[in-house]
Every structure is written in structure tokens, then in C-alpha cells.
Amino acid sequence: MQTAQPAFSAADLARRRSASRRLAWLLAAIVLAIYLVGLFIKR
């Protein structure tokens, strides 16, 4: 058994957090683009 140690170091957590934030922004932009395209197609 290992000694009690955090699964991720502080640097890993920071990198993971910034990556997930970037991914969230990308997903939001894609969803917004699909929504706007849908508005224009409907008319």
C-alpha cells in the first residue's frame, strides 16, 4: 500500500482545470453555433 498521497499534484490539478475550462467554452460555442444555424434554417 502506498502512503496517503493526493491523486494529482497541484500542477496537475491546475492543468486539468484549465483544460476542462477550455473544453467547456468550446462546447458552449458549438452549441450556440448550432442553435443560431437552427434559427436561420427554420425561416
N, C-alpha and C. Protein backbone atom coordinates (compact mmCIF):
# COMPACT_ATOMS: atom_id res chain seq x y z
N MET A 1 0.86 -1.21 0.00
CA MET A 1 0.00 0.00 0.00
C MET A 1 0.88 1.25 0.00
N GLN A 2 0.42 2.24 -0.71
CA GLN A 2 1.17 3.49 -0.74
C GLN A 2 0.80 4.33 0.48
N THR A 3 1.66 5.30 0.77
CA THR A 3 1.30 6.24 1.83
C THR A 3 0.21 7.16 1.29
N ALA A 4 -0.55 7.76 2.19
CA ALA A 4 -1.63 8.64 1.76
C ALA A 4 -1.06 9.80 0.96
N GLN A 5 -1.46 9.87 -0.30
CA GLN A 5 -0.91 10.88 -1.20
C GLN A 5 -2.03 11.35 -2.11
N PRO A 6 -2.11 12.65 -2.41
CA PRO A 6 -3.17 13.11 -3.32
C PRO A 6 -3.00 12.48 -4.70
N ALA A 7 -4.11 12.18 -5.34
CA ALA A 7 -4.07 11.51 -6.64
C ALA A 7 -3.38 12.40 -7.67
N PHE A 8 -3.57 13.69 -7.57
CA PHE A 8 -2.97 14.62 -8.52
C PHE A 8 -2.19 15.69 -7.77
N SER A 9 -1.07 16.11 -8.32
CA SER A 9 -0.33 17.22 -7.71
C SER A 9 -1.05 18.53 -8.03
N ALA A 10 -0.62 19.61 -7.39
CA ALA A 10 -1.27 20.90 -7.62
C ALA A 10 -1.13 21.32 -9.08
N ALA A 11 0.03 21.05 -9.68
CA ALA A 11 0.24 21.43 -11.08
C ALA A 11 -0.70 20.63 -11.98
N ASP A 12 -0.85 19.33 -11.69
CA ASP A 12 -1.76 18.51 -12.48
C ASP A 12 -3.19 19.04 -12.38
N LEU A 13 -3.61 19.40 -11.16
CA LEU A 13 -4.97 19.91 -10.99
C LEU A 13 -5.18 21.21 -11.76
N ALA A 14 -4.18 22.10 -11.71
CA ALA A 14 -4.31 23.38 -12.41
C ALA A 14 -4.40 23.14 -13.92
N ARG A 15 -3.55 22.23 -14.41
CA ARG A 15 -3.57 21.94 -15.85
C ARG A 15 -4.91 21.33 -16.26
N ARG A 16 -5.39 20.40 -15.43
CA ARG A 16 -6.67 19.75 -15.72
C ARG A 16 -7.82 20.76 -15.69
N ARG A 17 -7.77 21.69 -14.72
CA ARG A 17 -8.84 22.67 -14.60
C ARG A 17 -8.86 23.61 -15.81
N SER A 18 -7.70 24.07 -16.25
CA SER A 18 -7.67 24.98 -17.40
C SER A 18 -8.10 24.24 -18.66
N ALA A 19 -7.73 22.98 -18.78
CA ALA A 19 -8.12 22.21 -19.96
C ALA A 19 -9.64 22.00 -19.98
N SER A 20 -10.23 21.69 -18.82
CA SER A 20 -11.68 21.47 -18.79
C SER A 20 -12.42 22.78 -19.02
N ARG A 21 -11.84 23.90 -18.56
CA ARG A 21 -12.49 25.20 -18.81
C ARG A 21 -12.48 25.50 -20.31
N ARG A 22 -11.35 25.22 -20.97
CA ARG A 22 -11.26 25.44 -22.41
C ARG A 22 -12.27 24.56 -23.14
N LEU A 23 -12.39 23.30 -22.70
CA LEU A 23 -13.33 22.38 -23.33
C LEU A 23 -14.77 22.86 -23.14
N ALA A 24 -15.08 23.39 -21.96
CA ALA A 24 -16.43 23.89 -21.70
C ALA A 24 -16.75 25.07 -22.61
N TRP A 25 -15.78 25.99 -22.79
CA TRP A 25 -16.00 27.13 -23.68
C TRP A 25 -16.22 26.66 -25.11
N LEU A 26 -15.42 25.66 -25.53
CA LEU A 26 -15.55 25.13 -26.89
C LEU A 26 -16.93 24.50 -27.08
N LEU A 27 -17.38 23.71 -26.11
CA LEU A 27 -18.70 23.10 -26.21
C LEU A 27 -19.80 24.15 -26.26
N ALA A 28 -19.67 25.19 -25.44
CA ALA A 28 -20.68 26.25 -25.42
C ALA A 28 -20.73 26.96 -26.77
N ALA A 29 -19.57 27.19 -27.37
CA ALA A 29 -19.52 27.86 -28.68
C ALA A 29 -20.18 27.00 -29.74
N ILE A 30 -19.92 25.68 -29.69
CA ILE A 30 -20.52 24.77 -30.68
C ILE A 30 -22.04 24.73 -30.52
N VAL A 31 -22.49 24.63 -29.28
CA VAL A 31 -23.95 24.59 -29.04
C VAL A 31 -24.60 25.88 -29.51
N LEU A 32 -23.97 27.01 -29.22
CA LEU A 32 -24.52 28.30 -29.64
C LEU A 32 -24.57 28.39 -31.17
N ALA A 33 -23.51 27.92 -31.84
CA ALA A 33 -23.47 27.95 -33.30
C ALA A 33 -24.59 27.09 -33.89
N ILE A 34 -24.79 25.89 -33.33
CA ILE A 34 -25.86 25.01 -33.81
C ILE A 34 -27.22 25.67 -33.60
N TYR A 35 -27.40 26.31 -32.45
CA TYR A 35 -28.66 26.98 -32.15
C TYR A 35 -28.94 28.10 -33.15
N LEU A 36 -27.92 28.92 -33.42
CA LEU A 36 -28.10 30.03 -34.36
C LEU A 36 -28.37 29.52 -35.77
N VAL A 37 -27.67 28.48 -36.20
CA VAL A 37 -27.90 27.89 -37.52
C VAL A 37 -29.33 27.36 -37.60
N GLY A 38 -29.80 26.74 -36.53
CA GLY A 38 -31.16 26.23 -36.49
C GLY A 38 -32.18 27.34 -36.62
N LEU A 39 -31.92 28.48 -36.01
CA LEU A 39 -32.83 29.62 -36.13
C LEU A 39 -32.94 30.07 -37.59
N PHE A 40 -31.78 30.14 -38.27
CA PHE A 40 -31.80 30.62 -39.65
C PHE A 40 -32.41 29.61 -40.60
N ILE A 41 -32.24 28.33 -40.33
CA ILE A 41 -32.78 27.32 -41.23
C ILE A 41 -34.30 27.27 -41.14
N LYS A 42 -34.82 27.51 -39.93
CA LYS A 42 -36.27 27.39 -39.72
C LYS A 42 -37.03 28.38 -40.59
N ARG A 43 -36.45 29.55 -40.84
CA ARG A 43 -37.21 30.58 -41.54
C ARG A 43 -37.16 30.43 -43.03
